[in-house]
Amino acid sequence: LLAGAGAAMVQSSFAPIAIPESDNPLAGGESGSGWFSALMLALVLAALTLLTLPIALALLWALDRNSPVLVTVFAVAALAAGALVHRVGITIAANRWRDRGPELFAGIVPVR
């Protein structure tokens, strides 16, 4: 969950999605960067998978061994890795917003 939130912040800072103009929750906002948004999402998901899959597999292995000690160790490692990815994602997104805040804000807020 933490890693996913960090990855989402990075993706949204590189390819923001505009707020829908209607009250319909299924309506999509147009950011003008459809292919780029899809590419960024794919890259972020691939990086997230590469970072979290080894720990997830180790945790499954520990569960298969019925070892409470190994499960605890790998669960703590999973939380630590998620927190690290979350912190890095916040840092990248904050730097991006700091450098290009008005441009990103203009991309997500519809002109009325």
Protein backbone atom coordinates (compact mmCIF):
# COMPACT_ATOMS: atom_id res chain seq x y z
CA LEU A 1 0.00 0.00 0.00
CA LEU A 2 2.78 2.41 0.89
CA ALA A 3 4.77 1.56 -2.23
CA GLY A 4 1.68 1.94 -4.40
CA ALA A 5 0.94 5.36 -2.94
CA GLY A 6 4.52 6.48 -3.57
CA ALA A 7 4.40 5.19 -7.13
CA ALA A 8 1.06 6.91 -7.73
CA MET A 9 2.53 10.23 -6.60
CA VAL A 10 5.41 9.88 -9.04
CA GLN A 11 3.09 8.94 -11.91
CA SER A 12 0.68 11.78 -11.20
CA SER A 13 3.48 14.32 -10.99
CA PHE A 14 4.80 13.33 -14.42
CA ALA A 15 1.46 12.83 -16.17
CA PRO A 16 -1.35 14.52 -14.23
CA ILE A 17 -4.95 13.65 -15.07
CA ALA A 18 -7.38 16.54 -15.26
CA ILE A 19 -10.34 16.78 -12.92
CA PRO A 20 -13.58 15.85 -14.76
CA GLU A 21 -15.78 18.82 -15.62
CA SER A 22 -18.97 16.99 -14.67
CA ASP A 23 -20.19 15.46 -11.42
CA ASN A 24 -20.12 12.04 -13.05
CA PRO A 25 -17.46 10.01 -11.18
CA LEU A 26 -16.87 7.90 -14.28
CA ALA A 27 -16.16 10.88 -16.53
CA GLY A 28 -12.52 11.34 -17.36
CA GLY A 29 -10.71 14.62 -17.45
CA GLU A 30 -8.61 15.41 -20.51
CA SER A 31 -4.99 16.18 -19.73
CA GLY A 32 -3.85 16.22 -23.36
CA SER A 33 -1.20 13.59 -22.67
CA GLY A 34 -2.95 10.25 -23.17
CA TRP A 35 -0.07 8.19 -24.56
CA PHE A 36 2.44 9.79 -22.24
CA SER A 37 0.19 9.13 -19.24
CA ALA A 38 -0.21 5.49 -20.26
CA LEU A 39 3.55 5.12 -20.76
CA MET A 40 4.30 6.69 -17.39
CA LEU A 41 1.77 4.44 -15.69
CA ALA A 42 3.30 1.37 -17.33
CA LEU A 43 6.83 2.41 -16.32
CA VAL A 44 5.83 3.16 -12.75
CA LEU A 45 3.95 -0.15 -12.45
CA ALA A 46 6.94 -2.05 -13.88
CA ALA A 47 9.31 -0.36 -11.41
CA LEU A 48 6.89 -1.02 -8.56
CA THR A 49 6.70 -4.68 -9.54
CA LEU A 50 10.50 -5.01 -9.69
CA LEU A 51 10.85 -3.42 -6.27
CA THR A 52 8.13 -5.33 -4.44
CA LEU A 53 8.01 -8.74 -6.12
CA PRO A 54 11.17 -10.17 -4.48
CA ILE A 55 9.91 -9.38 -0.99
CA ALA A 56 6.42 -10.65 -1.80
CA LEU A 57 7.87 -13.94 -3.10
CA ALA A 58 10.08 -14.26 -0.02
CA LEU A 59 7.03 -13.71 2.19
CA LEU A 60 5.09 -16.39 0.31
CA TRP A 61 8.06 -18.75 0.65
CA ALA A 62 8.16 -18.10 4.41
CA LEU A 63 4.42 -18.76 4.65
CA ASP A 64 4.89 -22.04 2.79
CA ARG A 65 7.59 -23.06 5.29
CA ASN A 66 5.19 -22.35 8.21
CA SER A 67 7.90 -20.34 9.93
CA PRO A 68 6.53 -17.51 12.10
CA VAL A 69 10.02 -16.05 12.48
CA LEU A 70 10.63 -15.85 8.71
CA VAL A 71 7.13 -14.51 8.10
CA THR A 72 7.73 -11.80 10.67
CA VAL A 73 11.14 -10.91 9.22
CA PHE A 74 9.83 -10.70 5.65
CA ALA A 75 6.67 -8.85 6.73
CA VAL A 76 8.82 -6.23 8.45
CA ALA A 77 11.05 -6.11 5.34
CA ALA A 78 7.95 -5.61 3.18
CA LEU A 79 6.79 -2.72 5.38
CA ALA A 80 10.26 -1.17 5.32
CA ALA A 81 10.52 -1.49 1.53
CA GLY A 82 7.05 0.00 1.12
CA ALA A 83 7.94 2.90 3.40
CA LEU A 84 11.16 3.48 1.46
CA VAL A 85 9.38 3.50 -1.90
CA HIS A 86 6.73 5.80 -0.41
CA ARG A 87 9.38 8.25 0.87
CA VAL A 88 11.23 8.24 -2.47
CA GLY A 89 7.94 8.78 -4.32
CA ILE A 90 7.08 11.74 -2.10
CA THR A 91 10.53 13.23 -2.68
CA ILE A 92 10.36 12.86 -6.45
CA ALA A 93 6.81 14.23 -6.65
CA ALA A 94 7.57 17.14 -4.29
CA ASN A 95 10.63 18.12 -6.32
CA ARG A 96 8.59 17.94 -9.50
CA TRP A 97 5.80 20.08 -8.02
CA ARG A 98 8.36 22.54 -6.67
CA ASP A 99 9.95 22.94 -10.11
CA ARG A 100 6.82 22.83 -12.28
CA GLY A 101 3.91 23.50 -9.92
CA PRO A 102 1.97 26.08 -11.97
CA GLU A 103 2.27 23.97 -15.14
CA LEU A 104 1.10 20.81 -13.39
CA PHE A 105 -1.72 22.68 -11.66
CA ALA A 106 -2.89 24.08 -15.02
CA GLY A 107 -2.92 20.55 -16.42
CA ILE A 108 -5.27 19.15 -13.79
CA VAL A 109 -7.66 22.05 -13.18
CA PRO A 110 -10.19 22.52 -15.99
CA VAL A 111 -10.54 25.96 -17.51
CA ARG A 112 -14.01 27.34 -16.88
